[in-house]
């Protein structure tokens, strides 16, 4: 049996969809715009920001886990 090497598989021309071609062109354009600029000038992606605030998350956790805790305590002590 003949097993093609990784290099052989990678060298095959695979047709790009129009969407892939558009994204590749956009990426190449961004890369050429970055060329030669210091890191401080290059626009970086924003950090992930949670859609819910820490206070709201704590309140939700208290409601869910606090309710569970109170239910367990009532079942243990007030059979």
PDB file of N, CA and C in Angstrom:
ATOM      1  N   UNK A   1       0.829  -1.196   0.000  1.00  0.00           N
ATOM      2  CA  UNK A   1       0.000   0.000   0.000  1.00  0.00           C
ATOM      3  C   UNK A   1       0.864   1.247   0.000  1.00  0.00           C
ATOM      4  N   UNK A   2       0.373   2.256  -0.620  1.00  0.00           N
ATOM      5  CA  UNK A   2       1.091   3.526  -0.675  1.00  0.00           C
ATOM      6  C   UNK A   2       0.437   4.518   0.276  1.00  0.00           C
ATOM      7  N   UNK A   3       1.209   5.027   1.227  1.00  0.00           N
ATOM      8  CA  UNK A   3       0.716   6.037   2.160  1.00  0.00           C
ATOM      9  C   UNK A   3       1.410   7.346   1.830  1.00  0.00           C
ATOM     10  N   UNK A   4       0.667   8.339   1.429  1.00  0.00           N
ATOM     11  CA  UNK A   4       1.307   9.615   1.078  1.00  0.00           C
ATOM     12  C   UNK A   4       1.874  10.292   2.319  1.00  0.00           C
ATOM     13  N   UNK A   5       2.984  10.955   2.125  1.00  0.00           N
ATOM     14  CA  UNK A   5       3.592  11.662   3.247  1.00  0.00           C
ATOM     15  C   UNK A   5       2.808  12.935   3.538  1.00  0.00           C
ATOM     16  N   UNK A   6       3.069  13.506   4.707  1.00  0.00           N
ATOM     17  CA  UNK A   6       2.387  14.738   5.105  1.00  0.00           C
ATOM     18  C   UNK A   6       2.679  15.854   4.101  1.00  0.00           C
ATOM     19  N   UNK A   7       3.917  15.934   3.646  1.00  0.00           N
ATOM     20  CA  UNK A   7       4.281  16.973   2.689  1.00  0.00           C
ATOM     21  C   UNK A   7       3.527  16.835   1.389  1.00  0.00           C
ATOM     22  N   UNK A   8       3.281  15.603   0.987  1.00  0.00           N
ATOM     23  CA  UNK A   8       2.542  15.370  -0.249  1.00  0.00           C
ATOM     24  C   UNK A   8       1.098  15.841  -0.107  1.00  0.00           C
ATOM     25  N   UNK A   9       0.499  15.554   1.041  1.00  0.00           N
ATOM     26  CA  UNK A   9      -0.883  15.960   1.276  1.00  0.00           C
ATOM     27  C   UNK A   9      -0.980  17.479   1.351  1.00  0.00           C
ATOM     28  N   UNK A  10      -0.027  18.111   2.022  1.00  0.00           N
ATOM     29  CA  UNK A  10      -0.076  19.555   2.199  1.00  0.00           C
ATOM     30  C   UNK A  10       0.173  20.298   0.894  1.00  0.00           C
ATOM     31  N   UNK A  11       0.848  19.663  -0.072  1.00  0.00           N
ATOM     32  CA  UNK A  11       1.164  20.362  -1.305  1.00  0.00           C
ATOM     33  C   UNK A  11       0.033  20.308  -2.320  1.00  0.00           C
ATOM     34  N   UNK A  12      -1.012  19.559  -2.038  1.00  0.00           N
ATOM     35  CA  UNK A  12      -2.135  19.493  -2.965  1.00  0.00           C
ATOM     36  C   UNK A  12      -2.864  20.826  -2.966  1.00  0.00           C
ATOM     37  N   UNK A  13      -3.312  21.234  -4.141  1.00  0.00           N
ATOM     38  CA  UNK A  13      -4.077  22.470  -4.240  1.00  0.00           C
ATOM     39  C   UNK A  13      -5.527  22.171  -3.903  1.00  0.00           C
ATOM     40  N   UNK A  14      -6.001  22.793  -2.857  1.00  0.00           N
ATOM     41  CA  UNK A  14      -7.377  22.618  -2.436  1.00  0.00           C
ATOM     42  C   UNK A  14      -8.102  23.916  -2.750  1.00  0.00           C
ATOM     43  N   UNK A  15      -9.241  23.808  -3.392  1.00  0.00           N
ATOM     44  CA  UNK A  15      -9.984  24.999  -3.793  1.00  0.00           C
ATOM     45  C   UNK A  15     -10.495  25.734  -2.568  1.00  0.00           C
ATOM     46  N   UNK A  16     -10.396  27.051  -2.622  1.00  0.00           N
ATOM     47  CA  UNK A  16     -10.902  27.880  -1.535  1.00  0.00           C
ATOM     48  C   UNK A  16     -12.319  28.326  -1.866  1.00  0.00           C
ATOM     49  N   UNK A  17     -13.114  28.422  -0.825  1.00  0.00           N
ATOM     50  CA  UNK A  17     -14.436  28.996  -1.021  1.00  0.00           C
ATOM     51  C   UNK A  17     -14.270  30.505  -1.093  1.00  0.00           C
ATOM     52  N   UNK A  18     -15.236  31.211  -1.657  1.00  0.00           N
ATOM     53  CA  UNK A  18     -15.127  32.672  -1.708  1.00  0.00           C
ATOM     54  C   UNK A  18     -14.983  33.299  -0.318  1.00  0.00           C
ATOM     55  N   UNK A  19     -15.644  32.704   0.679  1.00  0.00           N
ATOM     56  CA  UNK A  19     -15.539  33.239   2.041  1.00  0.00           C
ATOM     57  C   UNK A  19     -14.120  33.067   2.585  1.00  0.00           C
ATOM     58  N   UNK A  20     -13.514  31.905   2.354  1.00  0.00           N
ATOM     59  CA  UNK A  20     -12.134  31.684   2.795  1.00  0.00           C
ATOM     60  C   UNK A  20     -11.187  32.648   2.101  1.00  0.00           C
ATOM     61  N   UNK A  21     -11.384  32.835   0.794  1.00  0.00           N
ATOM     62  CA  UNK A  21     -10.517  33.726   0.032  1.00  0.00           C
ATOM     63  C   UNK A  21     -10.609  35.154   0.581  1.00  0.00           C
ATOM     64  N   UNK A  22     -11.832  35.580   0.903  1.00  0.00           N
ATOM     65  CA  UNK A  22     -12.041  36.929   1.438  1.00  0.00           C
ATOM     66  C   UNK A  22     -11.354  37.086   2.795  1.00  0.00           C
ATOM     67  N   UNK A  23     -11.490  36.077   3.646  1.00  0.00           N
ATOM     68  CA  UNK A  23     -10.852  36.141   4.967  1.00  0.00           C
ATOM     69  C   UNK A  23      -9.335  36.098   4.857  1.00  0.00           C
ATOM     70  N   UNK A  24      -8.818  35.292   3.931  1.00  0.00           N
ATOM     71  CA  UNK A  24      -7.373  35.242   3.720  1.00  0.00           C
ATOM     72  C   UNK A  24      -6.842  36.587   3.243  1.00  0.00           C
ATOM     73  N   UNK A  25      -7.569  37.244   2.348  1.00  0.00           N
ATOM     74  CA  UNK A  25      -7.149  38.560   1.868  1.00  0.00           C
ATOM     75  C   UNK A  25      -7.181  39.585   3.001  1.00  0.00           C
ATOM     76  N   UNK A  26      -8.200  39.512   3.837  1.00  0.00           N
ATOM     77  CA  UNK A  26      -8.295  40.433   4.968  1.00  0.00           C
ATOM     78  C   UNK A  26      -7.130  40.211   5.935  1.00  0.00           C
ATOM     79  N   UNK A  27      -6.813  38.948   6.226  1.00  0.00           N
ATOM     80  CA  UNK A  27      -5.708  38.631   7.123  1.00  0.00           C
ATOM     81  C   UNK A  27      -4.388  39.124   6.544  1.00  0.00           C
ATOM     82  N   UNK A  28      -4.169  38.886   5.251  1.00  0.00           N
ATOM     83  CA  UNK A  28      -2.933  39.327   4.608  1.00  0.00           C
ATOM     84  C   UNK A  28      -2.815  40.849   4.647  1.00  0.00           C
ATOM     85  N   UNK A  29      -3.917  41.541   4.457  1.00  0.00           N
ATOM     86  CA  UNK A  29      -3.914  43.008   4.501  1.00  0.00           C
ATOM     87  C   UNK A  29      -3.550  43.501   5.900  1.00  0.00           C
ATOM     88  N   UNK A  30      -4.105  42.857   6.932  1.00  0.00           N
ATOM     89  CA  UNK A  30      -3.785  43.240   8.312  1.00  0.00           C
ATOM     90  C   UNK A  30      -2.316  42.979   8.624  1.00  0.00           C
ATOM     91  N   UNK A  31      -1.789  41.869   8.131  1.00  0.00           N
ATOM     92  CA  UNK A  31      -0.389  41.537   8.386  1.00  0.00           C
ATOM     93  C   UNK A  31       0.553  42.523   7.707  1.00  0.00           C
ATOM     94  N   UNK A  32       0.231  42.932   6.495  1.00  0.00           N
ATOM     95  CA  UNK A  32       1.092  43.906   5.816  1.00  0.00           C
ATOM     96  C   UNK A  32       1.007  45.264   6.493  1.00  0.00           C
ATOM     97  N   UNK A  33      -0.133  45.588   7.089  1.00  0.00           N
ATOM     98  CA  UNK A  33      -0.263  46.861   7.798  1.00  0.00           C
ATOM     99  C   UNK A  33       0.572  46.861   9.075  1.00  0.00           C
ATOM    100  N   UNK A  34       0.760  45.692   9.687  1.00  0.00           N
ATOM    101  CA  UNK A  34       1.533  45.591  10.931  1.00  0.00           C
ATOM    102  C   UNK A  34       3.036  45.629  10.689  1.00  0.00           C
ATOM    103  N   UNK A  35       3.453  45.303   9.492  1.00  0.00           N
ATOM    104  CA  UNK A  35       4.872  45.131   9.193  1.00  0.00           C
ATOM    105  C   UNK A  35       5.689  46.372   9.519  1.00  0.00           C
ATOM    106  N   UNK A  36       6.739  46.192  10.318  1.00  0.00           N
ATOM    107  CA  UNK A  36       7.662  47.271  10.623  1.00  0.00           C
ATOM    108  C   UNK A  36       7.234  48.184  11.751  1.00  0.00           C
ATOM    109  N   UNK A  37       6.077  47.970  12.323  1.00  0.00           N
ATOM    110  CA  UNK A  37       5.603  48.835  13.406  1.00  0.00           C
ATOM    111  C   UNK A  37       5.961  48.211  14.751  1.00  0.00           C
ATOM    112  N   UNK A  38       6.217  49.053  15.759  1.00  0.00           N
ATOM    113  CA  UNK A  38       6.468  48.500  17.094  1.00  0.00           C
ATOM    114  C   UNK A  38       5.193  47.889  17.678  1.00  0.00           C
ATOM    115  N   UNK A  39       5.379  47.033  18.661  1.00  0.00           N
ATOM    116  CA  UNK A  39       4.244  46.323  19.261  1.00  0.00           C
ATOM    117  C   UNK A  39       3.251  47.273  19.912  1.00  0.00           C
ATOM    118  N   UNK A  40       3.725  48.431  20.380  1.00  0.00           N
ATOM    119  CA  UNK A  40       2.827  49.372  21.045  1.00  0.00           C
ATOM    120  C   UNK A  40       1.843  50.010  20.067  1.00  0.00           C
ATOM    121  N   UNK A  41       2.200  50.080  18.795  1.00  0.00           N
ATOM    122  CA  UNK A  41       1.314  50.692  17.807  1.00  0.00           C
ATOM    123  C   UNK A  41       0.303  49.715  17.228  1.00  0.00           C
ATOM    124  N   UNK A  42       0.597  48.430  17.333  1.00  0.00           N
ATOM    125  CA  UNK A  42      -0.275  47.422  16.738  1.00  0.00           C
ATOM    126  C   UNK A  42      -1.522  47.277  17.598  1.00  0.00           C
ATOM    127  N   UNK A  43      -2.660  47.376  16.955  1.00  0.00           N
ATOM    128  CA  UNK A  43      -3.938  47.266  17.656  1.00  0.00           C
ATOM    129  C   UNK A  43      -4.131  45.821  18.113  1.00  0.00           C
ATOM    130  N   UNK A  44      -4.371  45.642  19.392  1.00  0.00           N
ATOM    131  CA  UNK A  44      -4.539  44.302  19.942  1.00  0.00           C
ATOM    132  C   UNK A  44      -6.016  44.035  20.184  1.00  0.00           C
ATOM    133  N   UNK A  45      -6.355  42.748  20.203  1.00  0.00           N
ATOM    134  CA  UNK A  45      -7.734  42.369  20.473  1.00  0.00           C
ATOM    135  C   UNK A  45      -8.067  42.670  21.930  1.00  0.00           C
ATOM    136  N   UNK A  46      -9.323  43.034  22.157  1.00  0.00           N
ATOM    137  CA  UNK A  46      -9.757  43.337  23.515  1.00  0.00           C
ATOM    138  C   UNK A  46      -9.888  42.048  24.317  1.00  0.00           C
ATOM    139  N   UNK A  47      -9.686  42.172  25.620  1.00  0.00           N
ATOM    140  CA  UNK A  47      -9.843  41.025  26.508  1.00  0.00           C
ATOM    141  C   UNK A  47     -11.310  40.637  26.595  1.00  0.00           C
ATOM    142  N   UNK A  48     -11.549  39.375  26.918  1.00  0.00           N
ATOM    143  CA  UNK A  48     -12.910  38.894  27.093  1.00  0.00           C
ATOM    144  C   UNK A  48     -13.526  39.569  28.310  1.00  0.00           C
ATOM    145  N   UNK A  49     -14.705  40.115  28.138  1.00  0.00           N
ATOM    146  CA  UNK A  49     -15.411  40.751  29.237  1.00  0.00           C
ATOM    147  C   UNK A  49     -16.699  39.972  29.468  1.00  0.00           C
ATOM    148  N   UNK A  50     -16.894  39.563  30.701  1.00  0.00           N
ATOM    149  CA  UNK A  50     -18.062  38.769  31.042  1.00  0.00           C
ATOM    150  C   UNK A  50     -19.331  39.597  30.866  1.00  0.00           C
ATOM    151  N   UNK A  51     -20.390  39.005  30.327  1.00  0.00           N
ATOM    152  CA  UNK A  51     -21.634  39.748  30.149  1.00  0.00           C
ATOM    153  C   UNK A  51     -22.393  39.976  31.455  1.00  0.00           C
ATOM    154  N   UNK A  52     -21.960  39.325  32.544  1.00  0.00           N
ATOM    155  CA  UNK A  52     -22.631  39.492  33.829  1.00  0.00           C
ATOM    156  C   UNK A  52     -21.604  40.001  34.842  1.00  0.00           C
ATOM    157  N   UNK A  53     -22.024  40.944  35.659  1.00  0.00           N
ATOM    158  CA  UNK A  53     -21.091  41.544  36.615  1.00  0.00           C
ATOM    159  C   UNK A  53     -20.785  40.561  37.749  1.00  0.00           C
ATOM    160  N   UNK A  54     -19.664  40.758  38.436  1.00  0.00           N
ATOM    161  CA  UNK A  54     -19.324  39.865  39.554  1.00  0.00           C
ATOM    162  C   UNK A  54     -20.369  39.897  40.674  1.00  0.00           C
ATOM    163  N   UNK A  55     -20.975  41.056  40.915  1.00  0.00           N
ATOM    164  CA  UNK A  55     -21.997  41.165  41.965  1.00  0.00           C
ATOM    165  C   UNK A  55     -23.222  40.339  41.587  1.00  0.00           C
ATOM    166  N   UNK A  56     -23.654  40.443  40.340  1.00  0.00           N
ATOM    167  CA  UNK A  56     -24.812  39.670  39.894  1.00  0.00           C
ATOM    168  C   UNK A  56     -24.501  38.177  39.915  1.00  0.00           C
ATOM    169  N   UNK A  57     -23.287  37.816  39.567  1.00  0.00           N
ATOM    170  CA  UNK A  57     -22.879  36.415  39.598  1.00  0.00           C
ATOM    171  C   UNK A  57     -22.873  35.882  41.030  1.00  0.00           C
ATOM    172  N   UNK A  58     -22.387  36.690  41.976  1.00  0.00           N
ATOM    173  CA  UNK A  58     -22.384  36.289  43.385  1.00  0.00           C
ATOM    174  C   UNK A  58     -23.814  36.135  43.901  1.00  0.00           C
ATOM    175  N   UNK A  59     -24.688  37.048  43.525  1.00  0.00           N
ATOM    176  CA  UNK A  59     -26.086  36.970  43.943  1.00  0.00           C
ATOM    177  C   UNK A  59     -26.746  35.711  43.381  1.00  0.00           C
ATOM    178  N   UNK A  60     -26.490  35.419  42.132  1.00  0.00           N
ATOM    179  CA  UNK A  60     -27.042  34.217  41.516  1.00  0.00           C
ATOM    180  C   UNK A  60     -26.505  32.959  42.199  1.00  0.00           C
ATOM    181  N   UNK A  61     -25.217  32.951  42.508  1.00  0.00           N
ATOM    182  CA  UNK A  61     -24.628  31.817  43.217  1.00  0.00           C
ATOM    183  C   UNK A  61     -25.223  31.647  44.604  1.00  0.00           C
ATOM    184  N   UNK A  62     -25.453  32.767  45.294  1.00  0.00           N
ATOM    185  CA  UNK A  62     -26.059  32.699  46.627  1.00  0.00           C
ATOM    186  C   UNK A  62     -27.471  32.135  46.550  1.00  0.00           C
ATOM    187  N   UNK A  63     -28.235  32.566  45.564  1.00  0.00           N
ATOM    188  CA  UNK A  63     -29.612  32.085  45.429  1.00  0.00           C
ATOM    189  C   UNK A  63     -29.626  30.583  45.151  1.00  0.00           C
ATOM    190  N   UNK A  64     -28.774  30.145  44.236  1.00  0.00           N
ATOM    191  CA  UNK A  64     -28.776  28.725  43.862  1.00  0.00           C
ATOM    192  C   UNK A  64     -28.183  27.860  44.972  1.00  0.00           C
ATOM    193  N   UNK A  65     -26.955  28.173  45.382  1.00  0.00           N
ATOM    194  CA  UNK A  65     -26.280  27.329  46.366  1.00  0.00           C
ATOM    195  C   UNK A  65     -26.772  27.590  47.785  1.00  0.00           C
ATOM    196  N   UNK A  66     -27.189  28.817  48.070  1.00  0.00           N
ATOM    197  CA  UNK A  66     -27.763  29.108  49.385  1.00  0.00           C
ATOM    198  C   UNK A  66     -29.073  28.369  49.578  1.00  0.00           C
ATOM    199  N   UNK A  67     -29.892  28.335  48.536  1.00  0.00           N
ATOM    200  CA  UNK A  67     -31.148  27.584  48.600  1.00  0.00           C
ATOM    201  C   UNK A  67     -30.894  26.108  48.809  1.00  0.00           C
ATOM    202  N   UNK A  68     -29.883  25.592  48.141  1.00  0.00           N
ATOM    203  CA  UNK A  68     -29.512  24.190  48.311  1.00  0.00           C
ATOM    204  C   UNK A  68     -29.032  23.924  49.737  1.00  0.00           C
ATOM    205  N   UNK A  69     -28.225  24.826  50.267  1.00  0.00           N
ATOM    206  CA  UNK A  69     -27.718  24.682  51.630  1.00  0.00           C
ATOM    207  C   UNK A  69     -28.859  24.722  52.646  1.00  0.00           C
ATOM    208  N   UNK A  70     -29.771  25.692  52.503  1.00  0.00           N
ATOM    209  CA  UNK A  70     -30.902  25.780  53.432  1.00  0.00           C
ATOM    210  C   UNK A  70     -31.794  24.541  53.337  1.00  0.00           C
ATOM    211  N   UNK A  71     -31.981  24.014  52.142  1.00  0.00           N
ATOM    212  CA  UNK A  71     -32.795  22.811  51.974  1.00  0.00           C
ATOM    213  C   UNK A  71     -32.139  21.611  52.653  1.00  0.00           C
ATOM    214  N   UNK A  72     -30.837  21.458  52.491  1.00  0.00           N
ATOM    215  CA  UNK A  72     -30.137  20.350  53.147  1.00  0.00           C
ATOM    216  C   UNK A  72     -30.193  20.482  54.664  1.00  0.00           C
ATOM    217  N   UNK A  73     -29.982  21.691  55.184  1.00  0.00           N
ATOM    218  CA  UNK A  73     -30.049  21.896  56.633  1.00  0.00           C
ATOM    219  C   UNK A  73     -31.441  21.601  57.173  1.00  0.00           C
ATOM    220  N   UNK A  74     -32.470  22.024  56.450  1.00  0.00           N
ATOM    221  CA  UNK A  74     -33.830  21.770  56.936  1.00  0.00           C
ATOM    222  C   UNK A  74     -34.158  20.275  56.897  1.00  0.00           C
ATOM    223  N   UNK A  75     -33.647  19.552  55.920  1.00  0.00           N
ATOM    224  CA  UNK A  75     -33.898  18.106  55.857  1.00  0.00           C
ATOM    225  C   UNK A  75     -33.124  17.353  56.933  1.00  0.00           C
ATOM    226  N   UNK A  76     -31.950  17.852  57.304  1.00  0.00           N
ATOM    227  CA  UNK A  76     -31.141  17.176  58.319  1.00  0.00           C
ATOM    228  C   UNK A  76     -31.693  17.441  59.720  1.00  0.00           C
ATOM    229  N   UNK A  77     -31.981  18.696  60.039  1.00  0.00           N
ATOM    230  CA  UNK A  77     -32.364  19.056  61.405  1.00  0.00           C
ATOM    231  C   UNK A  77     -33.864  19.023  61.659  1.00  0.00           C
ATOM    232  N   UNK A  78     -34.692  19.216  60.646  1.00  0.00           N
ATOM    233  CA  UNK A  78     -36.147  19.304  60.854  1.00  0.00           C
ATOM    234  C   UNK A  78     -36.876  18.207  60.094  1.00  0.00           C
ATOM    235  N   UNK A  79     -36.477  16.986  60.320  1.00  0.00           N
ATOM    236  CA  UNK A  79     -37.091  15.857  59.612  1.00  0.00           C
ATOM    237  C   UNK A  79     -38.531  15.866  59.892  1.00  0.00           C
TER     238      UNK A  79
END
